[in-house]
Amino acid sequence: MKRSTVVTLAVISAIAGLAIYSTTSQASHRCQVCVTYHGRNNCATAAGTTEQDAREGAQTTACGPLASGMDESIACGRVQPDSVQCRIR
């Protein structure tokens, strides 16, 4: 493999790592939310700067595989979760 290719891959990896670190380092709350929608259930975990942000992110992520289209995604996001477990990182 050419030296320039290795250097390019190293730079791209460093930038991606910095982006991931800077995004997650500010997230002080982590929540796991389980949702049942149309008879199917799913759980997801998300992090956020506030507990509310983490809860909303986790519910949106949990609804992803359960809902088809924007209308169902919005409806699933408004469903009362089966369980919510939050903690401070």
Protein backbone atom coordinates (compact mmCIF):
# COMPACT_ATOMS: atom_id res chain seq x y z
CA MET A 1 0.00 0.00 0.00
CA LYS A 2 1.30 3.46 -0.88
CA ARG A 3 2.54 5.70 1.89
CA SER A 4 0.11 8.47 0.86
CA THR A 5 -2.83 6.05 1.17
CA VAL A 6 -1.76 5.06 4.68
CA VAL A 7 -1.38 8.71 5.71
CA THR A 8 -4.80 9.58 4.23
CA LEU A 9 -6.47 6.70 6.08
CA ALA A 10 -4.75 7.72 9.33
CA VAL A 11 -5.94 11.32 8.98
CA ILE A 12 -9.52 10.25 8.20
CA SER A 13 -9.50 7.89 11.20
CA ALA A 14 -8.20 10.62 13.49
CA ILE A 15 -10.89 13.07 12.35
CA ALA A 16 -13.63 10.45 12.81
CA GLY A 17 -12.32 9.58 16.27
CA LEU A 18 -12.21 13.24 17.27
CA ALA A 19 -15.79 13.77 16.04
CA ILE A 20 -17.04 10.76 18.01
CA TYR A 21 -15.13 11.79 21.14
CA SER A 22 -16.33 15.40 21.05
CA THR A 23 -19.93 14.29 20.55
CA THR A 24 -19.99 11.72 23.34
CA SER A 25 -17.79 13.59 25.83
CA GLN A 26 -20.50 16.24 26.31
CA ALA A 27 -23.19 13.63 26.91
CA SER A 28 -23.53 13.31 30.66
CA HIS A 29 -26.72 11.22 30.72
CA ARG A 30 -27.41 7.77 29.25
CA CYS A 31 -30.87 6.20 29.02
CA GLN A 32 -32.23 2.87 27.84
CA VAL A 33 -35.85 2.96 26.66
CA CYS A 34 -38.05 0.00 25.70
CA VAL A 35 -41.13 0.68 23.55
CA THR A 36 -44.01 -1.48 22.31
CA TYR A 37 -45.67 -0.28 19.11
CA HIS A 38 -48.18 -2.24 17.00
CA GLY A 39 -47.52 -5.36 19.07
CA ARG A 40 -43.75 -5.32 18.53
CA ASN A 41 -41.18 -4.15 21.02
CA ASN A 42 -37.65 -2.84 20.86
CA CYS A 43 -35.13 -1.31 23.26
CA ALA A 44 -32.42 1.24 22.54
CA THR A 45 -29.84 3.27 24.42
CA ALA A 46 -28.82 6.88 23.80
CA ALA A 47 -26.75 9.56 25.47
CA GLY A 48 -27.47 13.25 25.84
CA THR A 49 -26.47 16.39 27.67
CA THR A 50 -29.70 16.21 29.69
CA GLU A 51 -31.79 13.25 30.80
CA GLN A 52 -34.66 14.44 28.58
CA ASP A 53 -32.39 14.52 25.51
CA ALA A 54 -31.13 11.02 26.26
CA ARG A 55 -34.68 9.68 26.77
CA GLU A 56 -35.97 11.22 23.54
CA GLY A 57 -32.98 9.96 21.58
CA ALA A 58 -33.37 6.45 22.95
CA GLN A 59 -37.10 6.37 22.19
CA THR A 60 -36.55 7.65 18.66
CA THR A 61 -33.90 4.98 18.11
CA ALA A 62 -36.12 2.26 19.60
CA CYS A 63 -38.99 3.29 17.33
CA GLY A 64 -36.85 3.12 14.18
CA PRO A 65 -37.36 -0.59 13.40
CA LEU A 66 -40.96 -0.56 14.67
CA ALA A 67 -42.41 2.28 12.59
CA SER A 68 -42.81 2.69 8.84
CA GLY A 69 -42.89 6.23 7.55
CA MET A 70 -42.98 9.61 9.20
CA ASP A 71 -46.53 9.35 10.60
CA GLU A 72 -45.81 6.08 12.41
CA SER A 73 -42.44 7.37 13.63
CA ILE A 74 -44.13 10.38 15.20
CA ALA A 75 -46.88 8.21 16.70
CA CYS A 76 -44.36 5.74 18.12
CA GLY A 77 -42.38 8.63 19.62
CA ARG A 78 -45.48 9.64 21.56
CA VAL A 79 -46.15 6.16 22.98
CA GLN A 80 -45.56 5.71 26.71
CA PRO A 81 -42.35 3.62 27.02
CA ASP A 82 -42.54 0.19 28.67
CA SER A 83 -39.41 0.97 30.67
CA VAL A 84 -36.88 3.75 31.05
CA GLN A 85 -33.55 3.38 32.82
CA CYS A 86 -31.34 6.46 33.03
CA ARG A 87 -28.01 7.08 34.68
CA ILE A 88 -25.44 9.83 34.85
CA ARG A 89 -22.18 9.02 33.14
